Amino acid sequence: TFIYTDIGTDGTLGGPNLVTQEEMLKLLAPIGANLIASGG
């Protein structure tokens, strides 16, 4: 399990960085690891 935070969005109420979260999800999916998205 991973918690992935894009610091640039955290606490800004500007919306999550869906692009970077998807990049991480795509990387982890074949390995079988889960992601919790954080920030924005």
PDB file of all heavy atoms in Angstrom:
ATOM      1  N   THR A   1       0.842  -1.199   0.000  1.00  0.00           N
ATOM      2  CA  THR A   1       0.000   0.000   0.000  1.00  0.00           C
ATOM      3  C   THR A   1       0.875   1.246   0.000  1.00  0.00           C
ATOM      4  O   THR A   1       1.832   1.343   0.773  1.00  0.00           O
ATOM      5  CB  THR A   1      -0.929   0.033   1.230  1.00  0.00           C
ATOM      6  OG1 THR A   1      -1.782  -1.119   1.214  1.00  0.00           O
ATOM      7  CG2 THR A   1      -1.798   1.286   1.225  1.00  0.00           C
ATOM      8  N   PHE A   2       0.511   2.193  -0.867  1.00  0.00           N
ATOM      9  CA  PHE A   2       1.232   3.458  -0.964  1.00  0.00           C
ATOM     10  C   PHE A   2       0.257   4.617  -0.809  1.00  0.00           C
ATOM     11  O   PHE A   2      -0.866   4.561  -1.300  1.00  0.00           O
ATOM     12  CB  PHE A   2       1.935   3.580  -2.316  1.00  0.00           C
ATOM     13  CG  PHE A   2       3.068   2.604  -2.500  1.00  0.00           C
ATOM     14  CD1 PHE A   2       2.813   1.304  -2.925  1.00  0.00           C
ATOM     15  CD2 PHE A   2       4.380   2.968  -2.233  1.00  0.00           C
ATOM     16  CE1 PHE A   2       3.844   0.381  -3.089  1.00  0.00           C
ATOM     17  CE2 PHE A   2       5.414   2.063  -2.392  1.00  0.00           C
ATOM     18  CZ  PHE A   2       5.150   0.770  -2.814  1.00  0.00           C
ATOM     19  N   ILE A   3       0.697   5.653  -0.123  1.00  0.00           N
ATOM     20  CA  ILE A   3      -0.032   6.919  -0.076  1.00  0.00           C
ATOM     21  C   ILE A   3       0.792   7.909  -0.874  1.00  0.00           C
ATOM     22  O   ILE A   3       1.951   8.171  -0.538  1.00  0.00           O
ATOM     23  CB  ILE A   3      -0.246   7.415   1.363  1.00  0.00           C
ATOM     24  CG1 ILE A   3      -1.194   6.459   2.094  1.00  0.00           C
ATOM     25  CG2 ILE A   3      -0.844   8.808   1.378  1.00  0.00           C
ATOM     26  CD1 ILE A   3      -0.610   5.788   3.259  1.00  0.00           C
ATOM     27  N   TYR A   4       0.203   8.427  -1.946  1.00  0.00           N
ATOM     28  CA  TYR A   4       0.952   9.296  -2.853  1.00  0.00           C
ATOM     29  C   TYR A   4       0.388  10.709  -2.789  1.00  0.00           C
ATOM     30  O   TYR A   4      -0.774  10.944  -3.093  1.00  0.00           O
ATOM     31  CB  TYR A   4       0.868   8.763  -4.286  1.00  0.00           C
ATOM     32  CG  TYR A   4       1.725   9.511  -5.276  1.00  0.00           C
ATOM     33  CD1 TYR A   4       2.998   9.963  -4.953  1.00  0.00           C
ATOM     34  CD2 TYR A   4       1.262   9.753  -6.565  1.00  0.00           C
ATOM     35  CE1 TYR A   4       3.784  10.638  -5.875  1.00  0.00           C
ATOM     36  CE2 TYR A   4       2.040  10.426  -7.500  1.00  0.00           C
ATOM     37  CZ  TYR A   4       3.300  10.863  -7.144  1.00  0.00           C
ATOM     38  OH  TYR A   4       4.083  11.532  -8.057  1.00  0.00           O
ATOM     39  N   THR A   5       1.245  11.640  -2.380  1.00  0.00           N
ATOM     40  CA  THR A   5       0.846  13.038  -2.234  1.00  0.00           C
ATOM     41  C   THR A   5       1.606  13.908  -3.218  1.00  0.00           C
ATOM     42  O   THR A   5       2.840  13.879  -3.255  1.00  0.00           O
ATOM     43  CB  THR A   5       1.133  13.553  -0.805  1.00  0.00           C
ATOM     44  OG1 THR A   5       0.503  12.702   0.152  1.00  0.00           O
ATOM     45  CG2 THR A   5       0.624  14.974  -0.632  1.00  0.00           C
ATOM     46  N   ASP A   6       0.867  14.668  -3.997  1.00  0.00           N
ATOM     47  CA  ASP A   6       1.473  15.702  -4.833  1.00  0.00           C
ATOM     48  C   ASP A   6       1.514  16.972  -3.989  1.00  0.00           C
ATOM     49  O   ASP A   6       0.486  17.591  -3.719  1.00  0.00           O
ATOM     50  CB  ASP A   6       0.630  15.908  -6.094  1.00  0.00           C
ATOM     51  CG  ASP A   6       1.256  16.916  -7.050  1.00  0.00           C
ATOM     52  OD1 ASP A   6       1.708  17.978  -6.580  1.00  0.00           O
ATOM     53  OD2 ASP A   6       1.294  16.658  -8.258  1.00  0.00           O
ATOM     54  N   ILE A   7       2.715  17.338  -3.536  1.00  0.00           N
ATOM     55  CA  ILE A   7       2.853  18.452  -2.597  1.00  0.00           C
ATOM     56  C   ILE A   7       2.276  19.745  -3.167  1.00  0.00           C
ATOM     57  O   ILE A   7       1.710  20.565  -2.438  1.00  0.00           O
ATOM     58  CB  ILE A   7       4.333  18.642  -2.219  1.00  0.00           C
ATOM     59  CG1 ILE A   7       4.817  17.439  -1.412  1.00  0.00           C
ATOM     60  CG2 ILE A   7       4.534  19.926  -1.423  1.00  0.00           C
ATOM     61  CD1 ILE A   7       6.293  17.445  -1.128  1.00  0.00           C
ATOM     62  N   GLY A   8       2.393  19.914  -4.468  1.00  0.00           N
ATOM     63  CA  GLY A   8       1.905  21.145  -5.081  1.00  0.00           C
ATOM     64  C   GLY A   8       0.415  21.357  -4.931  1.00  0.00           C
ATOM     65  O   GLY A   8      -0.074  22.490  -5.014  1.00  0.00           O
ATOM     66  N   THR A   9      -0.335  20.282  -4.670  1.00  0.00           N
ATOM     67  CA  THR A   9      -1.792  20.400  -4.534  1.00  0.00           C
ATOM     68  C   THR A   9      -2.245  20.338  -3.087  1.00  0.00           C
ATOM     69  O   THR A   9      -3.370  20.732  -2.777  1.00  0.00           O
ATOM     70  CB  THR A   9      -2.510  19.275  -5.309  1.00  0.00           C
ATOM     71  OG1 THR A   9      -2.184  18.006  -4.723  1.00  0.00           O
ATOM     72  CG2 THR A   9      -2.103  19.266  -6.777  1.00  0.00           C
ATOM     73  N   ASP A  10      -1.411  19.865  -2.182  1.00  0.00           N
ATOM     74  CA  ASP A  10      -1.848  19.581  -0.817  1.00  0.00           C
ATOM     75  C   ASP A  10      -2.255  20.853  -0.079  1.00  0.00           C
ATOM     76  O   ASP A  10      -1.490  21.821   0.001  1.00  0.00           O
ATOM     77  CB  ASP A  10      -0.739  18.872  -0.044  1.00  0.00           C
ATOM     78  CG  ASP A  10      -1.247  18.331   1.284  1.00  0.00           C
ATOM     79  OD1 ASP A  10      -2.010  17.354   1.253  1.00  0.00           O
ATOM     80  OD2 ASP A  10      -0.908  18.903   2.330  1.00  0.00           O
ATOM     81  N   GLY A  11      -3.467  20.814   0.477  1.00  0.00           N
ATOM     82  CA  GLY A  11      -3.963  21.936   1.261  1.00  0.00           C
ATOM     83  C   GLY A  11      -4.376  23.149   0.456  1.00  0.00           C
ATOM     84  O   GLY A  11      -4.689  24.200   1.020  1.00  0.00           O
ATOM     85  N   THR A  12      -4.414  23.025  -0.873  1.00  0.00           N
ATOM     86  CA  THR A  12      -4.716  24.179  -1.723  1.00  0.00           C
ATOM     87  C   THR A  12      -6.175  24.273  -2.134  1.00  0.00           C
ATOM     88  O   THR A  12      -6.609  25.324  -2.634  1.00  0.00           O
ATOM     89  CB  THR A  12      -3.862  24.141  -3.004  1.00  0.00           C
ATOM     90  OG1 THR A  12      -4.264  23.010  -3.797  1.00  0.00           O
ATOM     91  CG2 THR A  12      -2.379  24.048  -2.679  1.00  0.00           C
ATOM     92  N   LEU A  13      -6.920  23.175  -1.982  1.00  0.00           N
ATOM     93  CA  LEU A  13      -8.301  23.096  -2.462  1.00  0.00           C
ATOM     94  C   LEU A  13      -8.373  23.357  -3.968  1.00  0.00           C
ATOM     95  O   LEU A  13      -9.367  23.861  -4.480  1.00  0.00           O
ATOM     96  CB  LEU A  13      -9.211  24.094  -1.712  1.00  0.00           C
ATOM     97  CG  LEU A  13      -9.402  23.847  -0.216  1.00  0.00           C
ATOM     98  CD1 LEU A  13     -10.243  24.947   0.409  1.00  0.00           C
ATOM     99  CD2 LEU A  13     -10.033  22.486   0.041  1.00  0.00           C
ATOM    100  N   GLY A  14      -7.295  22.998  -4.666  1.00  0.00           N
ATOM    101  CA  GLY A  14      -7.234  23.240  -6.102  1.00  0.00           C
ATOM    102  C   GLY A  14      -7.511  22.020  -6.950  1.00  0.00           C
ATOM    103  O   GLY A  14      -7.381  22.076  -8.177  1.00  0.00           O
ATOM    104  N   GLY A  15      -7.883  20.915  -6.327  1.00  0.00           N
ATOM    105  CA  GLY A  15      -8.134  19.679  -7.058  1.00  0.00           C
ATOM    106  C   GLY A  15      -6.904  18.795  -7.086  1.00  0.00           C
ATOM    107  O   GLY A  15      -5.770  19.284  -7.086  1.00  0.00           O
ATOM    108  N   PRO A  16      -7.096  17.480  -7.080  1.00  0.00           N
ATOM    109  CA  PRO A  16      -5.961  16.556  -7.127  1.00  0.00           C
ATOM    110  C   PRO A  16      -5.284  16.560  -8.490  1.00  0.00           C
ATOM    111  O   PRO A  16      -5.904  16.894  -9.505  1.00  0.00           O
ATOM    112  CB  PRO A  16      -6.597  15.194  -6.837  1.00  0.00           C
ATOM    113  CG  PRO A  16      -8.022  15.342  -7.266  1.00  0.00           C
ATOM    114  CD  PRO A  16      -8.389  16.781  -7.031  1.00  0.00           C
ATOM    115  N   ASN A  17      -4.025  16.194  -8.508  1.00  0.00           N
ATOM    116  CA  ASN A  17      -3.297  16.046  -9.770  1.00  0.00           C
ATOM    117  C   ASN A  17      -3.595  14.644 -10.303  1.00  0.00           C
ATOM    118  O   ASN A  17      -2.914  13.675  -9.968  1.00  0.00           O
ATOM    119  CB  ASN A  17      -1.797  16.248  -9.545  1.00  0.00           C
ATOM    120  CG  ASN A  17      -1.022  16.298 -10.847  1.00  0.00           C
ATOM    121  OD1 ASN A  17      -1.416  15.691 -11.839  1.00  0.00           O
ATOM    122  ND2 ASN A  17       0.086  17.022 -10.850  1.00  0.00           N
ATOM    123  N   LEU A  18      -4.611  14.553 -11.125  1.00  0.00           N
ATOM    124  CA  LEU A  18      -5.059  13.247 -11.617  1.00  0.00           C
ATOM    125  C   LEU A  18      -4.022  12.601 -12.529  1.00  0.00           C
ATOM    126  O   LEU A  18      -3.929  11.370 -12.600  1.00  0.00           O
ATOM    127  CB  LEU A  18      -6.391  13.391 -12.347  1.00  0.00           C
ATOM    128  CG  LEU A  18      -7.573  13.873 -11.486  1.00  0.00           C
ATOM    129  CD1 LEU A  18      -8.775  14.154 -12.364  1.00  0.00           C
ATOM    130  CD2 LEU A  18      -7.923  12.846 -10.413  1.00  0.00           C
ATOM    131  N   VAL A  19      -3.237  13.414 -13.209  1.00  0.00           N
ATOM    132  CA  VAL A  19      -2.228  12.873 -14.122  1.00  0.00           C
ATOM    133  C   VAL A  19      -1.158  12.117 -13.352  1.00  0.00           C
ATOM    134  O   VAL A  19      -0.814  10.972 -13.690  1.00  0.00           O
ATOM    135  CB  VAL A  19      -1.596  14.002 -14.965  1.00  0.00           C
ATOM    136  CG1 VAL A  19      -0.424  13.466 -15.784  1.00  0.00           C
ATOM    137  CG2 VAL A  19      -2.636  14.632 -15.877  1.00  0.00           C
ATOM    138  N   THR A  20      -0.621  12.731 -12.301  1.00  0.00           N
ATOM    139  CA  THR A  20       0.436  12.055 -11.542  1.00  0.00           C
ATOM    140  C   THR A  20      -0.118  10.858 -10.776  1.00  0.00           C
ATOM    141  O   THR A  20       0.560   9.836 -10.649  1.00  0.00           O
ATOM    142  CB  THR A  20       1.133  13.027 -10.569  1.00  0.00           C
ATOM    143  OG1 THR A  20       0.161  13.597  -9.673  1.00  0.00           O
ATOM    144  CG2 THR A  20       1.829  14.142 -11.321  1.00  0.00           C
ATOM    145  N   GLN A  21      -1.351  10.972 -10.280  1.00  0.00           N
ATOM    146  CA  GLN A  21      -1.950   9.830  -9.580  1.00  0.00           C
ATOM    147  C   GLN A  21      -2.140   8.658 -10.544  1.00  0.00           C
ATOM    148  O   GLN A  21      -1.877   7.508 -10.197  1.00  0.00           O
ATOM    149  CB  GLN A  21      -3.283  10.226  -8.939  1.00  0.00           C
ATOM    150  CG  GLN A  21      -3.181  11.271  -7.823  1.00  0.00           C
ATOM    151  CD  GLN A  21      -2.499  10.763  -6.573  1.00  0.00           C
ATOM    152  OE1 GLN A  21      -2.283   9.559  -6.390  1.00  0.00           O
ATOM    153  NE2 GLN A  21      -2.138  11.670  -5.671  1.00  0.00           N
ATOM    154  N   GLU A  22      -2.566   8.956 -11.766  1.00  0.00           N
ATOM    155  CA  GLU A  22      -2.758   7.879 -12.739  1.00  0.00           C
ATOM    156  C   GLU A  22      -1.424   7.246 -13.125  1.00  0.00           C
ATOM    157  O   GLU A  22      -1.345   6.030 -13.330  1.00  0.00           O
ATOM    158  CB  GLU A  22      -3.486   8.380 -13.984  1.00  0.00           C
ATOM    159  CG  GLU A  22      -3.775   7.265 -14.977  1.00  0.00           C
ATOM    160  CD  GLU A  22      -4.742   7.648 -16.077  1.00  0.00           C
ATOM    161  OE1 GLU A  22      -5.115   8.839 -16.175  1.00  0.00           O
ATOM    162  OE2 GLU A  22      -5.146   6.749 -16.836  1.00  0.00           O
ATOM    163  N   GLU A  23      -0.377   8.044 -13.239  1.00  0.00           N
ATOM    164  CA  GLU A  23       0.943   7.491 -13.535  1.00  0.00           C
ATOM    165  C   GLU A  23       1.361   6.485 -12.465  1.00  0.00           C
ATOM    166  O   GLU A  23       1.881   5.405 -12.776  1.00  0.00           O
ATOM    167  CB  GLU A  23       1.980   8.613 -13.617  1.00  0.00           C
ATOM    168  CG  GLU A  23       1.886   9.480 -14.844  1.00  0.00           C
ATOM    169  CD  GLU A  23       2.855  10.647 -14.824  1.00  0.00           C
ATOM    170  OE1 GLU A  23       3.418  10.937 -13.749  1.00  0.00           O
ATOM    171  OE2 GLU A  23       3.046  11.269 -15.884  1.00  0.00           O
ATOM    172  N   MET A  24       1.115   6.842 -11.209  1.00  0.00           N
ATOM    173  CA  MET A  24       1.479   5.944 -10.119  1.00  0.00           C
ATOM    174  C   MET A  24       0.600   4.692 -10.121  1.00  0.00           C
ATOM    175  O   MET A  24       1.082   3.567  -9.924  1.00  0.00           O
ATOM    176  CB  MET A  24       1.383   6.682  -8.784  1.00  0.00           C
ATOM    177  CG  MET A  24       1.918   5.901  -7.595  1.00  0.00           C
ATOM    178  SD  MET A  24       3.696   5.546  -7.677  1.00  0.00           S
ATOM    179  CE  MET A  24       4.385   7.142  -7.215  1.00  0.00           C
ATOM    180  N   LEU A  25      -0.676   4.858 -10.344  1.00  0.00           N
ATOM    181  CA  LEU A  25      -1.587   3.708 -10.408  1.00  0.00           C
ATOM    182  C   LEU A  25      -1.180   2.739 -11.510  1.00  0.00           C
ATOM    183  O   LEU A  25      -1.162   1.517 -11.314  1.00  0.00           O
ATOM    184  CB  LEU A  25      -3.019   4.190 -10.639  1.00  0.00           C
ATOM    185  CG  LEU A  25      -3.727   4.821  -9.449  1.00  0.00           C
ATOM    186  CD1 LEU A  25      -4.936   5.620  -9.913  1.00  0.00           C
ATOM    187  CD2 LEU A  25      -4.134   3.759  -8.439  1.00  0.00           C
ATOM    188  N   LYS A  26      -0.861   3.292 -12.669  1.00  0.00           N
ATOM    189  CA  LYS A  26      -0.462   2.473 -13.814  1.00  0.00           C
ATOM    190  C   LYS A  26       0.802   1.683 -13.509  1.00  0.00           C
ATOM    191  O   LYS A  26       0.947   0.519 -13.908  1.00  0.00           O
ATOM    192  CB  LYS A  26      -0.254   3.371 -15.032  1.00  0.00           C
ATOM    193  CG  LYS A  26       0.010   2.617 -16.328  1.00  0.00           C
ATOM    194  CD  LYS A  26       0.101   3.590 -17.502  1.00  0.00           C
ATOM    195  CE  LYS A  26       0.336   2.841 -18.808  1.00  0.00           C
ATOM    196  NZ  LYS A  26       0.418   3.794 -19.953  1.00  0.00           N
ATOM    197  N   LEU A  27       1.734   2.308 -12.783  1.00  0.00           N
ATOM    198  CA  LEU A  27       2.975   1.635 -12.408  1.00  0.00           C
ATOM    199  C   LEU A  27       2.716   0.499 -11.423  1.00  0.00           C
ATOM    200  O   LEU A  27       3.273  -0.599 -11.553  1.00  0.00           O
ATOM    201  CB  LEU A  27       3.934   2.652 -11.779  1.00  0.00           C
ATOM    202  CG  LEU A  27       5.211   2.076 -11.167  1.00  0.00           C
ATOM    203  CD1 LEU A  27       6.249   1.828 -12.255  1.00  0.00           C
ATOM    204  CD2 LEU A  27       5.783   3.016 -10.112  1.00  0.00           C
ATOM    205  N   LEU A  28       1.875   0.754 -10.428  1.00  0.00           N
ATOM    206  CA  LEU A  28       1.673  -0.200  -9.340  1.00  0.00           C
ATOM    207  C   LEU A  28       0.730  -1.351  -9.698  1.00  0.00           C
ATOM    208  O   LEU A  28       0.841  -2.439  -9.126  1.00  0.00           O
ATOM    209  CB  LEU A  28       1.136   0.523  -8.098  1.00  0.00           C
ATOM    210  CG  LEU A  28       2.060   1.557  -7.445  1.00  0.00           C
ATOM    211  CD1 LEU A  28       1.335   2.263  -6.309  1.00  0.00           C
ATOM    212  CD2 LEU A  28       3.340   0.890  -6.933  1.00  0.00           C
ATOM    213  N   ALA A  29      -0.196  -1.113 -10.611  1.00  0.00           N
ATOM    214  CA  ALA A  29      -1.230  -2.114 -10.915  1.00  0.00           C
ATOM    215  C   ALA A  29      -0.667  -3.480 -11.286  1.00  0.00           C
ATOM    216  O   ALA A  29      -1.101  -4.502 -10.726  1.00  0.00           O
ATOM    217  CB  ALA A  29      -2.158  -1.595 -12.003  1.00  0.00           C
ATOM    218  N   PRO A  30       0.301  -3.572 -12.212  1.00  0.00           N
ATOM    219  CA  PRO A  30       0.802  -4.900 -12.587  1.00  0.00           C
ATOM    220  C   PRO A  30       1.528  -5.617 -11.445  1.00  0.00           C
ATOM    221  O   PRO A  30       1.637  -6.850 -11.455  1.00  0.00           O
ATOM    222  CB  PRO A  30       1.773  -4.607 -13.742  1.00  0.00           C
ATOM    223  CG  PRO A  30       1.457  -3.236 -14.201  1.00  0.00           C
ATOM    224  CD  PRO A  30       0.952  -2.512 -13.002  1.00  0.00           C
ATOM    225  N   ILE A  31       2.012  -4.851 -10.485  1.00  0.00           N
ATOM    226  CA  ILE A  31       2.746  -5.447  -9.360  1.00  0.00           C
ATOM    227  C   ILE A  31       1.783  -5.896  -8.268  1.00  0.00           C
ATOM    228  O   ILE A  31       2.132  -6.714  -7.415  1.00  0.00           O
ATOM    229  CB  ILE A  31       3.771  -4.434  -8.797  1.00  0.00           C
ATOM    230  CG1 ILE A  31       4.659  -3.893  -9.923  1.00  0.00           C
ATOM    231  CG2 ILE A  31       4.657  -5.076  -7.725  1.00  0.00           C
ATOM    232  CD1 ILE A  31       5.585  -2.768  -9.494  1.00  0.00           C
ATOM    233  N   GLY A  32       0.564  -5.362  -8.303  1.00  0.00           N
ATOM    234  CA  GLY A  32      -0.442  -5.758  -7.321  1.00  0.00           C
ATOM    235  C   GLY A  32      -0.463  -4.904  -6.075  1.00  0.00           C
ATOM    236  O   GLY A  32      -0.984  -5.324  -5.039  1.00  0.00           O
ATOM    237  N   ALA A  33       0.080  -3.678  -6.155  1.00  0.00           N
ATOM    238  CA  ALA A  33       0.100  -2.784  -4.996  1.00  0.00           C
ATOM    239  C   ALA A  33      -1.015  -1.752  -5.105  1.00  0.00           C
ATOM    240  O   ALA A  33      -1.374  -1.318  -6.208  1.00  0.00           O
ATOM    241  CB  ALA A  33       1.450  -2.089  -4.899  1.00  0.00           C
ATOM    242  N   ASN A  34      -1.546  -1.351  -3.963  1.00  0.00           N
ATOM    243  CA  ASN A  34      -2.642  -0.389  -3.903  1.00  0.00           C
ATOM    244  C   ASN A  34      -2.134   1.026  -3.670  1.00  0.00           C
ATOM    245  O   ASN A  34      -1.037   1.232  -3.131  1.00  0.00           O
ATOM    246  CB  ASN A  34      -3.623  -0.756  -2.792  1.00  0.00           C
ATOM    247  CG  ASN A  34      -4.395  -2.018  -3.089  1.00  0.00           C
ATOM    248  OD1 ASN A  34      -4.677  -2.321  -4.248  1.00  0.00           O
ATOM    249  ND2 ASN A  34      -4.730  -2.765  -2.052  1.00  0.00           N
ATOM    250  N   LEU A  35      -2.970   1.994  -4.032  1.00  0.00           N
ATOM    251  CA  LEU A  35      -2.625   3.403  -3.876  1.00  0.00           C
ATOM    252  C   LEU A  35      -3.757   4.154  -3.190  1.00  0.00           C
ATOM    253  O   LEU A  35      -4.933   3.935  -3.495  1.00  0.00           O
ATOM    254  CB  LEU A  35      -2.363   4.036  -5.250  1.00  0.00           C
ATOM    255  CG  LEU A  35      -1.960   5.508  -5.242  1.00  0.00           C
ATOM    256  CD1 LEU A  35      -0.552   5.668  -4.690  1.00  0.00           C
ATOM    257  CD2 LEU A  35      -2.036   6.111  -6.640  1.00  0.00           C
ATOM    258  N   ILE A  36      -3.385   5.030  -2.281  1.00  0.00           N
ATOM    259  CA  ILE A  36      -4.308   5.997  -1.691  1.00  0.00           C
ATOM    260  C   ILE A  36      -3.866   7.371  -2.178  1.00  0.00           C
ATOM    261  O   ILE A  36      -2.716   7.769  -1.973  1.00  0.00           O
ATOM    262  CB  ILE A  36      -4.290   5.933  -0.154  1.00  0.00           C
ATOM    263  CG1 ILE A  36      -4.724   4.540   0.322  1.00  0.00           C
ATOM    264  CG2 ILE A  36      -5.204   7.001   0.440  1.00  0.00           C
ATOM    265  CD1 ILE A  36      -4.523   4.306   1.807  1.00  0.00           C
ATOM    266  N   ALA A  37      -4.765   8.078  -2.852  1.00  0.00           N
ATOM    267  CA  ALA A  37      -4.434   9.384  -3.424  1.00  0.00           C
ATOM    268  C   ALA A  37      -4.595  10.470  -2.376  1.00  0.00           C
ATOM    269  O   ALA A  37      -5.565  10.482  -1.604  1.00  0.00           O
ATOM    270  CB  ALA A  37      -5.335   9.671  -4.619  1.00  0.00           C
ATOM    271  N   SER A  38      -3.648  11.408  -2.369  1.00  0.00           N
ATOM    272  CA  SER A  38      -3.670  12.478  -1.367  1.00  0.00           C
ATOM    273  C   SER A  38      -3.313  13.802  -2.014  1.00  0.00           C
ATOM    274  O   SER A  38      -2.405  13.879  -2.836  1.00  0.00           O
ATOM    275  CB  SER A  38      -2.675  12.143  -0.250  1.00  0.00           C
ATOM    276  OG  SER A  38      -2.573  13.200   0.671  1.00  0.00           O
ATOM    277  N   GLY A  39      -4.036  14.853  -1.596  1.00  0.00           N
ATOM    278  CA  GLY A  39      -3.685  16.189  -2.027  1.00  0.00           C
ATOM    279  C   GLY A  39      -4.690  16.836  -2.943  1.00  0.00           C
ATOM    280  O   GLY A  39      -4.970  16.326  -4.028  1.00  0.00           O
ATOM    281  N   GLY A  40      -5.270  17.958  -2.498  1.00  0.00           N
ATOM    282  CA  GLY A  40      -6.027  18.828  -3.378  1.00  0.00           C
ATOM    283  C   GLY A  40      -7.521  18.649  -3.465  1.00  0.00           C
ATOM    284  O   GLY A  40      -8.191  19.460  -4.103  1.00  0.00           O
TER     285      GLY A  40
END
